[in-house]
């Protein structure tokens, strides 16, 4: 994938488990964002599926 290509994704926030909270958590948040390949390779995200989004509306 060329560096100048942008991908529509939804950001994922990850909360690692701790000694006082043994459950890790990952949740999708916010509106879809355009990310470059560098960001996609380093940060948690899920590809945005417009068809799936339309089905939940």
N, C-alpha and C. Protein backbone atom coordinates (compact mmCIF):
# COMPACT_ATOMS: atom_id res chain seq x y z
N UNK A 1 0.86 -1.17 0.00
CA UNK A 1 0.00 0.00 0.00
C UNK A 1 0.91 1.24 0.00
N UNK A 2 0.74 2.13 -0.93
CA UNK A 2 1.57 3.35 -0.96
C UNK A 2 1.34 4.22 0.27
N UNK A 3 2.36 4.95 0.68
CA UNK A 3 2.26 5.80 1.87
C UNK A 3 1.19 6.87 1.73
N UNK A 4 0.95 7.35 0.51
CA UNK A 4 -0.02 8.44 0.35
C UNK A 4 -1.47 7.95 0.37
N UNK A 5 -1.69 6.65 0.40
CA UNK A 5 -3.05 6.13 0.45
C UNK A 5 -3.61 6.24 1.86
N UNK A 6 -4.85 6.69 1.96
CA UNK A 6 -5.51 6.81 3.26
C UNK A 6 -6.61 5.77 3.36
N UNK A 7 -6.82 5.28 4.57
CA UNK A 7 -7.80 4.22 4.82
C UNK A 7 -8.79 4.73 5.85
N UNK A 8 -10.07 4.45 5.63
CA UNK A 8 -11.11 4.84 6.58
C UNK A 8 -11.18 3.79 7.69
N UNK A 9 -10.95 4.24 8.93
CA UNK A 9 -10.93 3.32 10.08
C UNK A 9 -11.69 3.93 11.24
N UNK A 10 -11.96 3.10 12.21
CA UNK A 10 -12.53 3.57 13.48
C UNK A 10 -11.49 3.27 14.56
N UNK A 11 -11.17 4.29 15.36
CA UNK A 11 -10.16 4.19 16.41
C UNK A 11 -10.62 3.21 17.50
N UNK A 12 -9.66 2.47 18.07
CA UNK A 12 -9.94 1.55 19.17
C UNK A 12 -9.08 1.96 20.36
N UNK A 13 -9.71 2.16 21.49
CA UNK A 13 -8.99 2.44 22.73
C UNK A 13 -8.86 1.13 23.50
N UNK A 14 -7.64 0.85 23.94
CA UNK A 14 -7.35 -0.39 24.66
C UNK A 14 -6.96 -0.03 26.09
N UNK A 15 -7.64 -0.66 27.04
CA UNK A 15 -7.28 -0.53 28.44
C UNK A 15 -6.72 -1.88 28.87
N UNK A 16 -5.42 -1.92 29.21
CA UNK A 16 -4.82 -3.20 29.60
C UNK A 16 -5.33 -3.64 30.98
N UNK A 17 -5.23 -4.92 31.24
CA UNK A 17 -5.64 -5.38 32.56
C UNK A 17 -4.62 -4.92 33.59
N UNK A 18 -5.08 -4.74 34.82
CA UNK A 18 -4.23 -4.31 35.93
C UNK A 18 -4.40 -5.28 37.09
N UNK A 19 -3.60 -5.11 38.10
CA UNK A 19 -3.70 -5.99 39.26
C UNK A 19 -5.06 -5.87 39.94
N UNK A 20 -5.66 -4.70 39.93
CA UNK A 20 -6.95 -4.50 40.59
C UNK A 20 -8.14 -4.62 39.65
N UNK A 21 -7.88 -4.83 38.39
CA UNK A 21 -8.94 -4.97 37.39
C UNK A 21 -8.47 -5.98 36.35
N UNK A 22 -8.76 -7.26 36.56
CA UNK A 22 -8.18 -8.30 35.71
C UNK A 22 -8.72 -8.39 34.28
N UNK A 23 -9.63 -7.52 33.93
CA UNK A 23 -10.19 -7.60 32.59
C UNK A 23 -9.65 -6.48 31.71
N UNK A 24 -9.03 -6.89 30.62
CA UNK A 24 -8.62 -5.91 29.62
C UNK A 24 -9.85 -5.51 28.82
N UNK A 25 -9.80 -4.33 28.21
CA UNK A 25 -10.96 -3.84 27.47
C UNK A 25 -10.50 -3.15 26.20
N UNK A 26 -11.23 -3.36 25.13
CA UNK A 26 -10.99 -2.65 23.88
C UNK A 26 -12.34 -2.16 23.38
N UNK A 27 -12.40 -0.87 23.03
CA UNK A 27 -13.68 -0.34 22.55
C UNK A 27 -13.46 0.62 21.39
N UNK A 28 -14.35 0.53 20.43
CA UNK A 28 -14.31 1.43 19.27
C UNK A 28 -14.97 2.74 19.68
N UNK A 29 -14.37 3.83 19.26
CA UNK A 29 -14.93 5.14 19.64
C UNK A 29 -14.88 6.12 18.48
N UNK A 30 -15.75 7.10 18.57
CA UNK A 30 -15.71 8.22 17.64
C UNK A 30 -16.17 7.92 16.24
N UNK A 31 -16.08 8.96 15.44
CA UNK A 31 -16.44 8.86 14.03
C UNK A 31 -15.30 8.24 13.25
N UNK A 32 -15.58 7.70 12.07
CA UNK A 32 -14.51 7.16 11.22
C UNK A 32 -13.49 8.25 10.89
N UNK A 33 -12.24 7.83 10.76
CA UNK A 33 -11.14 8.75 10.47
C UNK A 33 -10.32 8.21 9.30
N UNK A 34 -9.68 9.10 8.58
CA UNK A 34 -8.76 8.70 7.51
C UNK A 34 -7.36 8.58 8.09
N UNK A 35 -6.77 7.40 7.98
CA UNK A 35 -5.43 7.14 8.51
C UNK A 35 -4.50 6.72 7.40
N UNK A 36 -3.24 7.10 7.54
CA UNK A 36 -2.20 6.66 6.60
C UNK A 36 -1.72 5.27 7.03
N UNK A 37 -0.95 4.63 6.18
CA UNK A 37 -0.47 3.28 6.45
C UNK A 37 0.42 3.24 7.69
N UNK A 38 1.18 4.30 7.93
CA UNK A 38 2.04 4.34 9.11
C UNK A 38 1.22 4.27 10.39
N UNK A 39 0.16 5.06 10.47
CA UNK A 39 -0.71 5.04 11.65
C UNK A 39 -1.40 3.69 11.80
N UNK A 40 -1.86 3.14 10.68
CA UNK A 40 -2.52 1.84 10.72
C UNK A 40 -1.60 0.74 11.23
N UNK A 41 -0.32 0.88 10.98
CA UNK A 41 0.62 -0.16 11.41
C UNK A 41 1.01 -0.02 12.88
N UNK A 42 0.70 1.13 13.50
CA UNK A 42 1.16 1.36 14.87
C UNK A 42 0.06 1.48 15.92
N UNK A 43 -1.15 1.82 15.52
CA UNK A 43 -2.20 2.10 16.49
C UNK A 43 -3.37 1.14 16.31
N UNK A 44 -4.04 0.77 17.42
CA UNK A 44 -5.19 -0.13 17.31
C UNK A 44 -6.37 0.54 16.60
N UNK A 45 -6.97 -0.21 15.70
CA UNK A 45 -8.09 0.31 14.92
C UNK A 45 -8.83 -0.86 14.28
N UNK A 46 -9.98 -0.58 13.73
CA UNK A 46 -10.71 -1.55 12.91
C UNK A 46 -11.07 -0.85 11.61
N UNK A 47 -11.00 -1.57 10.51
CA UNK A 47 -11.42 -0.95 9.24
C UNK A 47 -12.89 -0.56 9.33
N UNK A 48 -13.23 0.58 8.78
CA UNK A 48 -14.62 1.05 8.79
C UNK A 48 -15.36 0.41 7.63
N UNK A 49 -16.48 -0.21 7.96
CA UNK A 49 -17.31 -0.88 6.95
C UNK A 49 -18.60 -0.08 6.80
N UNK A 50 -18.72 0.66 5.71
CA UNK A 50 -19.89 1.50 5.49
C UNK A 50 -21.17 0.68 5.41
N UNK A 51 -21.10 -0.52 4.84
CA UNK A 51 -22.29 -1.37 4.74
C UNK A 51 -22.77 -1.80 6.12
N UNK A 52 -21.85 -2.15 6.99
CA UNK A 52 -22.21 -2.56 8.34
C UNK A 52 -22.80 -1.39 9.12
N UNK A 53 -22.23 -0.21 8.95
CA UNK A 53 -22.73 1.00 9.62
C UNK A 53 -24.15 1.32 9.19
N UNK A 54 -24.45 1.18 7.91
CA UNK A 54 -25.79 1.46 7.38
C UNK A 54 -26.81 0.46 7.92
N UNK A 55 -26.39 -0.77 8.16
CA UNK A 55 -27.30 -1.80 8.66
C UNK A 55 -27.70 -1.55 10.10
N UNK A 56 -26.88 -0.84 10.87
CA UNK A 56 -27.20 -0.59 12.27
C UNK A 56 -28.01 0.68 12.47
N UNK A 57 -28.16 1.50 11.43
CA UNK A 57 -28.94 2.75 11.55
C UNK A 57 -30.42 2.50 11.49
